N, C-alpha and C. Protein backbone atom coordinates (compact mmCIF):
# COMPACT_ATOMS: atom_id res chain seq x y z
N MET A 1 9.80 -20.89 -21.94
CA MET A 1 11.02 -19.51 -21.01
C MET A 1 10.52 -20.03 -19.68
N GLU A 2 12.21 -20.15 -19.14
CA GLU A 2 12.30 -20.61 -17.37
C GLU A 2 10.94 -20.04 -16.59
N ILE A 3 10.56 -20.84 -15.80
CA ILE A 3 9.90 -20.10 -14.62
C ILE A 3 10.16 -19.04 -14.03
N LEU A 4 11.64 -19.40 -13.66
CA LEU A 4 12.13 -17.67 -12.85
C LEU A 4 11.92 -16.47 -14.15
N GLU A 5 11.92 -17.12 -15.44
CA GLU A 5 12.28 -15.42 -15.91
C GLU A 5 10.38 -15.40 -16.28
N ILE A 6 9.60 -15.94 -16.32
CA ILE A 6 7.97 -15.52 -16.02
C ILE A 6 7.82 -14.89 -14.50
N ILE A 7 8.16 -15.49 -13.77
CA ILE A 7 8.10 -14.86 -12.36
C ILE A 7 8.52 -12.92 -12.33
N LYS A 8 9.91 -13.15 -13.47
CA LYS A 8 10.35 -12.13 -12.72
C LYS A 8 9.79 -10.44 -14.06
N GLN A 9 8.80 -10.93 -14.54
CA GLN A 9 8.16 -10.02 -15.63
C GLN A 9 6.94 -9.61 -14.96
N PRO A 10 6.52 -8.87 -15.27
CA PRO A 10 5.29 -8.01 -14.47
C PRO A 10 4.00 -9.26 -15.00
N TRP A 11 3.38 -9.49 -13.78
CA TRP A 11 1.66 -10.46 -14.27
C TRP A 11 0.88 -9.40 -15.18
N PRO A 12 -0.03 -10.23 -15.98
CA PRO A 12 -0.97 -9.08 -16.64
C PRO A 12 -2.17 -9.16 -15.58
N TRP A 13 -2.97 -8.40 -16.11
CA TRP A 13 -4.25 -7.94 -14.52
C TRP A 13 -4.79 -9.12 -14.56
N TYR A 14 -5.26 -9.75 -15.18
CA TYR A 14 -5.75 -11.37 -15.69
C TYR A 14 -5.65 -12.77 -14.51
N ILE A 15 -3.89 -12.25 -14.49
CA ILE A 15 -3.52 -13.15 -13.50
C ILE A 15 -3.27 -12.76 -11.88
N ALA A 16 -2.80 -11.54 -11.59
CA ALA A 16 -2.32 -11.12 -10.65
C ALA A 16 -3.82 -11.08 -9.80
N GLY A 17 -4.84 -9.96 -10.61
CA GLY A 17 -6.22 -9.73 -10.04
C GLY A 17 -6.85 -11.09 -9.03
N PRO A 18 -7.20 -12.39 -10.28
CA PRO A 18 -7.27 -13.00 -9.33
C PRO A 18 -6.72 -14.24 -8.21
N LEU A 19 -5.71 -14.08 -8.43
CA LEU A 19 -4.67 -13.87 -6.93
C LEU A 19 -4.67 -13.59 -6.00
N VAL A 20 -5.10 -12.02 -6.22
CA VAL A 20 -5.21 -11.17 -4.97
C VAL A 20 -6.37 -11.44 -4.20
N GLY A 21 -7.47 -11.56 -5.19
CA GLY A 21 -8.82 -12.01 -4.96
C GLY A 21 -8.69 -13.47 -4.34
N LEU A 22 -8.87 -14.06 -4.70
CA LEU A 22 -8.64 -16.05 -4.16
C LEU A 22 -8.60 -15.67 -3.02
N THR A 23 -7.59 -14.67 -2.39
CA THR A 23 -7.14 -14.79 -0.69
C THR A 23 -7.93 -14.55 0.36
N VAL A 24 -9.22 -13.63 -0.38
CA VAL A 24 -10.37 -13.78 0.62
C VAL A 24 -11.04 -15.00 0.71
N PRO A 25 -11.41 -15.06 -0.12
CA PRO A 25 -12.12 -16.44 -0.09
C PRO A 25 -11.19 -17.60 0.69
N ALA A 26 -9.92 -17.74 0.54
CA ALA A 26 -9.92 -19.04 1.44
C ALA A 26 -8.98 -18.43 2.65
N LEU A 27 -8.43 -16.98 2.85
CA LEU A 27 -9.27 -17.07 4.43
C LEU A 27 -10.30 -16.83 5.33
N LEU A 28 -11.29 -16.91 4.81
CA LEU A 28 -13.05 -16.96 4.95
C LEU A 28 -13.12 -18.35 5.26
N LEU A 29 -12.70 -19.27 3.89
CA LEU A 29 -13.05 -20.59 4.39
C LEU A 29 -12.16 -21.44 5.10
N ILE A 30 -10.50 -20.97 4.94
CA ILE A 30 -9.74 -22.14 5.86
C ILE A 30 -9.90 -21.36 7.71
N GLY A 31 -10.25 -19.97 7.66
CA GLY A 31 -9.90 -19.60 9.39
C GLY A 31 -10.87 -18.67 9.83
N ASN A 32 -12.15 -18.16 9.00
CA ASN A 32 -12.72 -17.21 9.16
C ASN A 32 -12.44 -16.52 9.41
N LYS A 33 -11.47 -15.43 8.78
CA LYS A 33 -10.79 -14.58 8.82
C LYS A 33 -10.79 -13.67 7.63
N SER A 34 -10.99 -12.04 8.47
CA SER A 34 -10.99 -11.32 6.88
C SER A 34 -9.89 -10.41 6.75
N PHE A 35 -9.59 -10.44 5.47
CA PHE A 35 -8.52 -9.63 5.40
C PHE A 35 -8.44 -8.34 5.06
N GLY A 36 -7.41 -7.87 5.78
CA GLY A 36 -6.90 -6.49 5.57
C GLY A 36 -5.54 -6.55 6.32
N ILE A 37 -4.68 -5.21 6.20
CA ILE A 37 -3.35 -5.15 6.68
C ILE A 37 -3.54 -3.32 7.91
N SER A 38 -4.02 -2.96 7.62
CA SER A 38 -4.14 -2.08 8.73
C SER A 38 -4.81 -2.49 10.45
N ALA A 39 -4.96 -3.72 10.43
CA ALA A 39 -5.34 -4.18 11.59
C ALA A 39 -4.12 -4.01 12.21
N SER A 40 -3.22 -4.78 11.61
CA SER A 40 -1.80 -5.42 12.36
C SER A 40 -1.05 -3.90 13.32
N LEU A 41 -1.49 -2.88 12.89
CA LEU A 41 -0.61 -1.43 13.53
C LEU A 41 -0.71 -1.95 15.08
N ARG A 42 -2.35 -1.74 15.10
CA ARG A 42 -2.78 -2.19 16.50
C ARG A 42 -2.19 -3.35 16.86
N HIS A 43 -2.30 -4.71 16.64
CA HIS A 43 -2.17 -5.66 16.79
C HIS A 43 -0.65 -5.58 17.80
N THR A 44 0.17 -4.99 16.74
CA THR A 44 1.88 -4.68 17.33
C THR A 44 1.83 -3.40 18.26
N CYS A 45 0.98 -2.24 18.34
CA CYS A 45 1.02 -1.49 19.26
C CYS A 45 0.66 -2.12 20.85
N ALA A 46 -0.65 -2.71 20.41
CA ALA A 46 -1.38 -3.97 21.16
C ALA A 46 0.27 -4.99 22.46
N MET A 47 1.11 -5.67 21.36
CA MET A 47 1.79 -6.09 21.75
C MET A 47 2.97 -5.37 22.06
N CYS A 48 3.23 -4.67 21.57
CA CYS A 48 4.70 -3.79 22.24
C CYS A 48 5.01 -2.53 23.17
N LEU A 49 3.54 -1.92 23.13
CA LEU A 49 3.45 -0.97 24.34
C LEU A 49 2.03 -1.66 24.92
N PRO A 50 2.87 -2.22 26.25
CA PRO A 50 1.36 -2.22 26.75
C PRO A 50 0.89 -1.50 28.10
N ALA A 51 0.52 -0.20 27.19
CA ALA A 51 0.06 1.13 27.76
C ALA A 51 -1.40 0.61 28.29
N ASN A 52 -1.84 1.85 28.86
CA ASN A 52 -2.97 1.55 29.71
C ASN A 52 -4.23 2.60 29.06
N ILE A 53 -3.94 2.22 27.47
CA ILE A 53 -4.81 2.44 26.82
C ILE A 53 -6.27 1.52 26.24
N ALA A 54 -7.63 2.11 26.42
CA ALA A 54 -8.08 1.37 26.30
C ALA A 54 -8.68 0.43 24.79
N PHE A 55 -7.69 1.55 23.92
CA PHE A 55 -7.86 0.86 22.40
C PHE A 55 -6.88 -0.63 22.16
N PHE A 56 -6.24 -0.82 22.84
CA PHE A 56 -4.94 -1.44 23.10
C PHE A 56 -5.19 -2.64 24.09
N LYS A 57 -6.26 -2.01 24.84
CA LYS A 57 -6.53 -3.89 26.08
C LYS A 57 -7.49 -4.46 25.27
N TYR A 58 -6.78 -5.78 24.83
CA TYR A 58 -7.60 -6.76 24.03
C TYR A 58 -7.13 -7.88 23.79
N ASP A 59 -7.40 -9.63 23.97
CA ASP A 59 -6.90 -10.28 23.25
C ASP A 59 -6.18 -10.16 22.05
N TRP A 60 -4.90 -9.44 22.17
CA TRP A 60 -4.40 -9.33 20.50
C TRP A 60 -3.68 -10.97 20.10
N LYS A 61 -3.53 -11.93 20.54
CA LYS A 61 -2.83 -13.28 20.83
C LYS A 61 -3.86 -13.96 19.71
N LYS A 62 -5.44 -13.72 19.38
CA LYS A 62 -6.08 -14.15 18.73
C LYS A 62 -5.55 -13.82 17.15
N GLU A 63 -5.58 -12.25 16.99
CA GLU A 63 -5.17 -12.18 16.17
C GLU A 63 -3.39 -12.27 15.40
N ILE A 64 -2.42 -12.89 15.72
CA ILE A 64 -1.55 -13.39 15.88
C ILE A 64 -1.07 -13.93 14.68
N TRP A 65 -2.21 -14.42 13.90
CA TRP A 65 -1.83 -14.96 12.34
C TRP A 65 -2.26 -13.66 11.71
N ASN A 66 -2.89 -12.63 11.86
CA ASN A 66 -2.10 -10.99 10.79
C ASN A 66 -1.00 -10.41 11.01
N MET A 67 -0.87 -11.24 11.83
CA MET A 67 1.09 -10.59 12.39
C MET A 67 2.12 -11.39 11.31
N PHE A 68 1.79 -12.98 11.08
CA PHE A 68 2.37 -13.52 10.63
C PHE A 68 2.15 -13.22 8.88
N PHE A 69 0.86 -12.95 8.81
CA PHE A 69 0.57 -12.35 7.07
C PHE A 69 1.40 -11.33 6.54
N VAL A 70 1.40 -10.06 7.40
CA VAL A 70 2.03 -9.15 7.24
C VAL A 70 3.54 -9.11 7.27
N PHE A 71 4.21 -10.21 8.44
CA PHE A 71 5.15 -10.40 8.16
C PHE A 71 5.71 -11.26 6.72
N GLY A 72 5.22 -12.00 5.89
CA GLY A 72 4.67 -12.91 5.03
C GLY A 72 5.09 -11.76 3.85
N ILE A 73 4.37 -10.65 3.53
CA ILE A 73 4.50 -9.68 2.70
C ILE A 73 5.77 -8.96 2.67
N LEU A 74 6.39 -8.58 4.08
CA LEU A 74 7.47 -7.77 3.66
C LEU A 74 8.61 -8.86 3.17
N LEU A 75 8.29 -10.27 4.06
CA LEU A 75 9.45 -11.14 3.50
C LEU A 75 9.45 -11.49 1.96
N GLY A 76 8.20 -11.35 1.74
CA GLY A 76 7.92 -11.69 0.15
C GLY A 76 8.65 -10.49 -0.81
N GLY A 77 7.95 -9.10 -0.39
CA GLY A 77 8.38 -7.75 -1.06
C GLY A 77 10.26 -7.80 -1.05
N VAL A 78 10.71 -7.90 0.49
CA VAL A 78 11.95 -8.69 0.72
C VAL A 78 13.03 -9.50 -0.81
N ILE A 79 12.49 -10.67 -0.67
CA ILE A 79 12.92 -11.57 -1.62
C ILE A 79 12.53 -11.30 -3.07
N ALA A 80 11.34 -10.69 -3.50
CA ALA A 80 11.04 -10.17 -4.68
C ALA A 80 12.03 -9.10 -5.33
N PHE A 81 12.39 -7.57 -4.46
CA PHE A 81 13.15 -7.10 -4.57
C PHE A 81 14.79 -7.84 -5.05
N GLN A 82 15.57 -8.44 -3.93
CA GLN A 82 16.74 -8.94 -4.03
C GLN A 82 16.54 -10.16 -5.02
N PHE A 83 15.87 -10.73 -5.48
CA PHE A 83 16.17 -11.79 -6.07
C PHE A 83 15.27 -12.22 -7.67
N LEU A 84 14.44 -11.21 -7.83
CA LEU A 84 13.13 -11.23 -8.74
C LEU A 84 13.20 -9.92 -9.80
N SER A 85 14.01 -8.99 -9.32
CA SER A 85 14.03 -7.26 -9.69
C SER A 85 14.69 -6.94 -11.08
N ASN A 86 13.39 -6.66 -11.74
CA ASN A 86 13.37 -6.57 -13.87
C ASN A 86 14.87 -5.31 -13.51
N PRO A 87 15.34 -5.78 -14.07
CA PRO A 87 16.35 -4.45 -13.96
C PRO A 87 16.68 -3.58 -15.61
N ASP A 88 15.47 -3.85 -15.98
CA ASP A 88 14.41 -3.10 -17.46
C ASP A 88 14.28 -1.72 -16.57
N PRO A 89 14.43 -0.50 -17.30
CA PRO A 89 14.29 0.39 -16.40
C PRO A 89 12.30 0.43 -16.85
N ILE A 90 11.21 1.01 -16.01
CA ILE A 90 10.48 1.09 -15.39
C ILE A 90 9.60 2.15 -16.82
N LEU A 91 8.59 1.65 -17.89
CA LEU A 91 8.19 1.90 -18.86
C LEU A 91 6.76 2.94 -18.25
N ILE A 92 7.01 4.34 -18.79
CA ILE A 92 6.25 5.40 -18.43
C ILE A 92 6.16 5.61 -19.78
N ASN A 93 4.24 6.25 -19.63
CA ASN A 93 4.23 7.58 -21.21
C ASN A 93 5.31 8.43 -21.25
N ASP A 94 5.40 8.52 -22.30
CA ASP A 94 6.06 9.91 -22.52
C ASP A 94 5.53 11.19 -22.11
N ASN A 95 4.59 11.44 -22.17
CA ASN A 95 3.52 12.42 -21.54
C ASN A 95 3.89 12.64 -20.57
N LEU A 96 4.05 11.78 -19.44
CA LEU A 96 4.00 12.01 -17.76
C LEU A 96 5.67 11.91 -17.57
N LYS A 97 6.71 11.52 -18.36
CA LYS A 97 8.04 11.84 -17.83
C LYS A 97 7.85 13.52 -18.25
N THR A 98 7.36 13.92 -19.61
CA THR A 98 7.74 15.43 -19.61
C THR A 98 6.97 16.07 -18.32
N GLU A 99 5.85 15.50 -18.32
CA GLU A 99 5.16 16.40 -17.10
C GLU A 99 6.12 16.25 -15.73
N LEU A 100 6.41 15.38 -15.24
CA LEU A 100 7.68 15.26 -14.30
C LEU A 100 8.27 16.10 -14.33
N SER A 101 9.15 15.94 -15.73
CA SER A 101 10.65 16.51 -15.43
C SER A 101 9.97 17.79 -15.28
N THR A 102 9.33 19.02 -15.37
CA THR A 102 8.84 20.02 -15.26
C THR A 102 9.09 20.03 -14.05
N TYR A 103 9.01 19.59 -12.87
CA TYR A 103 8.64 19.25 -11.59
C TYR A 103 10.19 18.69 -11.08
N GLY A 104 11.28 18.71 -12.01
CA GLY A 104 12.46 18.31 -11.01
C GLY A 104 12.90 17.14 -11.30
N ILE A 105 11.39 16.10 -11.80
CA ILE A 105 12.08 14.94 -11.61
C ILE A 105 12.24 13.87 -12.57
N THR A 106 13.54 13.45 -13.02
CA THR A 106 14.06 13.13 -14.07
C THR A 106 14.92 11.58 -13.88
N SER A 107 14.87 11.29 -12.60
CA SER A 107 15.57 9.70 -13.10
C SER A 107 14.71 8.91 -12.28
N ILE A 108 13.85 8.46 -13.21
CA ILE A 108 13.19 7.23 -12.88
C ILE A 108 13.76 6.49 -13.79
N TYR A 109 14.04 5.34 -12.86
CA TYR A 109 14.70 4.43 -13.29
C TYR A 109 14.65 3.00 -12.29
N GLY A 110 13.89 3.30 -11.16
CA GLY A 110 13.26 2.09 -10.13
C GLY A 110 11.62 2.55 -9.90
N MET A 111 10.87 1.48 -8.89
CA MET A 111 9.66 2.38 -8.59
C MET A 111 9.56 3.66 -8.12
N LEU A 112 10.36 4.25 -7.22
CA LEU A 112 10.55 5.40 -6.77
C LEU A 112 11.05 5.84 -7.06
N PRO A 113 10.65 7.10 -7.54
CA PRO A 113 11.44 8.19 -8.58
C PRO A 113 12.97 8.74 -7.03
N GLU A 114 14.04 8.93 -7.32
CA GLU A 114 14.94 8.98 -5.95
C GLU A 114 14.57 10.74 -5.38
N GLN A 115 14.43 11.64 -6.27
CA GLN A 115 14.18 13.29 -6.32
C GLN A 115 12.98 13.05 -5.23
N LEU A 116 12.36 12.66 -5.12
CA LEU A 116 10.84 11.92 -4.51
C LEU A 116 11.39 11.48 -3.08
N PHE A 117 11.49 10.73 -2.62
CA PHE A 117 11.85 8.97 -2.15
C PHE A 117 13.30 9.02 -1.81
N SER A 118 13.84 9.40 -0.55
CA SER A 118 14.98 9.30 -0.98
C SER A 118 15.67 10.36 0.70
N TRP A 119 17.08 9.39 1.63
CA TRP A 119 16.59 10.23 2.27
C TRP A 119 17.45 11.92 2.60
N GLU A 120 17.75 12.67 1.11
CA GLU A 120 18.71 13.49 1.18
C GLU A 120 17.03 14.52 0.66
N SER A 121 15.94 13.79 0.37
CA SER A 121 14.70 14.77 -0.25
C SER A 121 13.85 14.88 0.99
N LEU A 122 14.06 13.69 2.20
CA LEU A 122 13.26 14.20 3.25
C LEU A 122 13.60 15.02 3.97
N PHE A 123 14.42 15.96 4.03
CA PHE A 123 14.78 16.91 4.32
C PHE A 123 14.30 18.54 3.74
N THR A 124 13.82 18.04 2.68
CA THR A 124 12.88 19.59 1.49
C THR A 124 11.76 19.43 1.85
N LEU A 125 10.98 20.13 2.06
CA LEU A 125 9.53 20.42 2.04
C LEU A 125 8.66 19.79 1.38
N LYS A 126 9.39 19.36 0.36
CA LYS A 126 8.46 18.53 -0.66
C LYS A 126 8.35 17.60 -0.65
N GLY A 127 9.56 16.90 0.36
CA GLY A 127 10.25 15.88 0.73
C GLY A 127 9.21 15.23 1.81
N PHE A 128 9.21 16.36 2.92
CA PHE A 128 8.62 16.18 4.01
C PHE A 128 6.79 16.13 4.04
N PHE A 129 6.18 16.42 2.72
CA PHE A 129 4.74 16.33 2.57
C PHE A 129 4.60 15.65 2.22
N MET A 130 5.16 14.58 0.90
CA MET A 130 4.91 13.69 0.26
C MET A 130 5.60 12.03 1.74
N MET A 131 6.15 12.48 2.41
CA MET A 131 6.61 11.44 2.84
C MET A 131 6.17 11.16 4.65
N VAL A 132 5.89 12.36 5.57
CA VAL A 132 5.72 12.59 6.62
C VAL A 132 4.19 12.92 6.83
N ILE A 133 3.78 14.33 6.02
CA ILE A 133 2.69 14.13 5.82
C ILE A 133 1.93 13.30 5.58
N GLY A 134 2.14 12.85 4.06
CA GLY A 134 1.41 11.90 3.08
C GLY A 134 1.17 10.36 4.25
N GLY A 135 2.30 10.58 4.62
CA GLY A 135 2.21 9.12 5.93
C GLY A 135 1.08 8.85 6.77
N PHE A 136 0.99 10.07 7.33
CA PHE A 136 0.42 10.76 8.50
C PHE A 136 -1.42 10.15 7.99
N PHE A 137 -1.05 10.87 6.91
CA PHE A 137 -2.87 11.36 6.15
C PHE A 137 -3.50 9.78 5.69
N ILE A 138 -2.47 8.69 5.44
CA ILE A 138 -2.77 7.28 5.52
C ILE A 138 -3.53 6.60 6.43
N GLY A 139 -2.25 6.44 7.46
CA GLY A 139 -2.45 6.05 8.55
C GLY A 139 -3.71 6.96 9.30
N PHE A 140 -3.76 7.84 9.43
CA PHE A 140 -5.61 8.67 10.15
C PHE A 140 -6.65 8.38 9.10
N GLY A 141 -6.35 8.17 7.94
CA GLY A 141 -7.64 7.85 6.99
C GLY A 141 -7.90 6.38 7.06
N SER A 142 -7.09 5.57 7.34
CA SER A 142 -7.17 3.90 7.52
C SER A 142 -7.43 4.06 9.27
N ARG A 143 -7.80 4.33 9.36
CA ARG A 143 -8.28 4.85 11.25
C ARG A 143 -9.39 5.35 10.93
N TYR A 144 -9.37 6.25 10.89
CA TYR A 144 -10.62 6.75 10.44
C TYR A 144 -12.21 5.91 9.76
N ALA A 145 -11.80 5.58 8.26
CA ALA A 145 -12.30 4.81 7.54
C ALA A 145 -12.46 2.89 7.85
N GLY A 146 -12.11 2.90 9.01
CA GLY A 146 -12.89 1.67 9.65
C GLY A 146 -11.40 0.60 9.27
N GLY A 147 -10.30 0.88 8.04
CA GLY A 147 -9.79 -0.24 7.62
C GLY A 147 -8.87 0.75 6.39
N CYS A 148 -7.83 -0.08 5.82
CA CYS A 148 -7.22 0.32 4.46
C CYS A 148 -7.69 0.08 3.14
N THR A 149 -7.43 0.28 2.00
CA THR A 149 -7.63 -0.34 0.44
C THR A 149 -7.70 -1.54 0.98
N SER A 150 -7.20 -2.29 1.16
CA SER A 150 -7.12 -3.50 1.00
C SER A 150 -8.22 -3.78 1.72
N GLY A 151 -8.58 -3.80 3.17
CA GLY A 151 -9.54 -4.54 3.92
C GLY A 151 -11.00 -3.96 3.10
N HIS A 152 -11.21 -2.82 2.89
CA HIS A 152 -12.54 -2.32 2.67
C HIS A 152 -12.37 -2.57 0.59
N SER A 153 -11.89 -2.91 0.29
CA SER A 153 -11.85 -3.07 -1.55
C SER A 153 -11.97 -4.09 -1.46
N ILE A 154 -11.17 -5.04 -1.28
CA ILE A 154 -10.25 -6.44 -2.03
C ILE A 154 -12.15 -7.18 -0.87
N SER A 155 -11.75 -7.15 0.49
CA SER A 155 -12.54 -8.06 1.50
C SER A 155 -13.68 -7.31 1.70
N GLY A 156 -13.90 -5.87 1.58
CA GLY A 156 -15.68 -5.50 2.16
C GLY A 156 -16.50 -5.69 0.93
N LEU A 157 -15.71 -5.33 -0.37
CA LEU A 157 -17.07 -5.57 -1.34
C LEU A 157 -16.84 -6.88 -1.95
N SER A 158 -16.44 -7.72 -1.57
CA SER A 158 -17.05 -9.47 -2.08
C SER A 158 -17.69 -9.56 -0.46
N ASN A 159 -17.45 -9.13 0.04
CA ASN A 159 -18.42 -9.17 1.28
C ASN A 159 -19.93 -8.93 1.18
N LEU A 160 -20.02 -7.88 -0.03
CA LEU A 160 -20.84 -6.74 -0.46
C LEU A 160 -21.66 -5.93 1.11
N GLN A 161 -20.48 -5.04 1.82
CA GLN A 161 -20.35 -4.57 2.72
C GLN A 161 -20.63 -2.95 2.58
N LEU A 162 -21.86 -2.16 2.90
CA LEU A 162 -21.83 -1.00 1.78
C LEU A 162 -20.86 0.08 2.76
N PRO A 163 -20.71 -0.17 3.97
CA PRO A 163 -19.40 0.82 4.15
C PRO A 163 -18.02 0.22 3.75
N SER A 164 -17.98 -0.31 3.15
CA SER A 164 -16.53 -0.46 2.32
C SER A 164 -16.56 -0.49 0.99
N LEU A 165 -17.86 -0.29 0.46
CA LEU A 165 -18.60 0.41 -1.20
C LEU A 165 -18.47 1.85 -0.55
N ILE A 166 -18.48 2.33 0.11
CA ILE A 166 -18.62 3.97 0.43
C ILE A 166 -17.59 4.36 0.77
N ALA A 167 -16.57 3.44 1.55
CA ALA A 167 -14.63 3.86 1.95
C ALA A 167 -14.21 3.98 0.38
N THR A 168 -14.78 2.65 -0.10
CA THR A 168 -13.93 2.51 -1.60
C THR A 168 -14.31 3.54 -3.00
N CYS A 169 -15.35 3.96 -2.70
CA CYS A 169 -15.67 5.38 -3.70
C CYS A 169 -15.07 6.54 -3.24
N CYS A 170 -14.89 6.97 -2.13
CA CYS A 170 -13.78 7.63 -1.54
C CYS A 170 -12.31 7.36 -1.72
N PHE A 171 -12.39 6.57 -1.59
CA PHE A 171 -10.42 5.74 -1.72
C PHE A 171 -9.92 6.98 -3.22
N PHE A 172 -11.05 6.09 -4.18
CA PHE A 172 -11.23 6.64 -5.78
C PHE A 172 -10.95 8.18 -5.91
N ILE A 173 -12.12 8.87 -5.22
CA ILE A 173 -12.44 10.26 -5.29
C ILE A 173 -11.29 10.68 -4.54
N GLY A 174 -10.54 10.26 -3.44
CA GLY A 174 -9.36 10.89 -2.77
C GLY A 174 -8.32 10.84 -3.86
N GLY A 175 -8.30 10.10 -4.47
CA GLY A 175 -6.71 9.54 -4.83
C GLY A 175 -6.75 10.52 -6.50
N LEU A 176 -8.28 10.59 -7.15
CA LEU A 176 -8.45 11.41 -8.49
C LEU A 176 -8.15 13.25 -7.94
N ILE A 177 -8.50 13.33 -6.64
CA ILE A 177 -8.05 14.58 -6.13
C ILE A 177 -6.90 14.85 -5.83
N MET A 178 -6.17 14.04 -5.32
CA MET A 178 -4.59 14.48 -5.03
C MET A 178 -3.93 13.79 -6.42
N ALA A 179 -3.93 13.05 -6.91
CA ALA A 179 -3.49 12.62 -8.81
C ALA A 179 -3.47 14.39 -9.12
N ASN A 180 -4.34 15.09 -9.09
CA ASN A 180 -4.81 16.30 -9.99
C ASN A 180 -4.42 17.21 -9.81
N PHE A 181 -4.80 17.81 -8.38
CA PHE A 181 -4.88 18.98 -7.76
C PHE A 181 -3.85 19.13 -6.61
N ILE A 182 -3.35 17.99 -5.50
CA ILE A 182 -2.76 18.53 -4.72
C ILE A 182 -1.44 18.06 -4.71
N LEU A 183 -1.18 16.89 -6.07
CA LEU A 183 -0.01 16.50 -5.51
C LEU A 183 0.64 17.57 -6.74
N PRO A 184 0.60 17.83 -7.98
CA PRO A 184 1.02 19.06 -9.05
C PRO A 184 1.21 20.11 -7.78
N PHE A 185 0.79 20.34 -6.70
CA PHE A 185 0.64 21.75 -5.76
C PHE A 185 2.31 21.36 -4.77
N ILE A 186 2.03 20.27 -4.62
CA ILE A 186 3.43 19.66 -4.03
C ILE A 186 4.88 19.49 -4.42
N LEU A 187 4.49 19.19 -5.74
CA LEU A 187 5.67 18.79 -7.03
C LEU A 187 6.24 20.04 -7.44
N SER A 188 5.47 21.17 -6.37
CA SER A 188 6.06 22.52 -7.66
C SER A 188 6.47 23.56 -6.38
N LEU A 189 6.95 22.75 -5.27
CA LEU A 189 6.85 23.75 -3.81
C LEU A 189 8.81 23.48 -4.23
């Protein structure tokens, strides 16, 4: 099998997980930096909106590496989507397909169902809740928790930080509540 064909296939957890996990010690050893993505929003605001807000008054140039890291993630996503996309449909359980069809979600050909994630659905009540309200809660939650899931669950846990353990437990509990109670309610709107 060619290397390009191997890259196009989904990688098993025992390969992808350690590769993601190795970024934490690499960042710590190479640059004494901690892994996390949500701080880049603060850096972006400090760069682009030099307002008279105390939260944005700091030397953001010391954290410019984080902006390059986030840019690399975006660029990698674009390259993977354009050149390494697997044309095969996403395989999901038949029971999940049946449950989703009861909510009107039948077009499951990509990573995001078109009935939920499109410009047309944005202007529906369901789409507004999923994208606008959901985006607000993700942003608010990551700021309130002092970091996002990558910062707490990958970096914080590997550094044995108790606040990261508490945040990660709350992320999982919130995800279970969302998937089992709130999401079915939103999809039924």
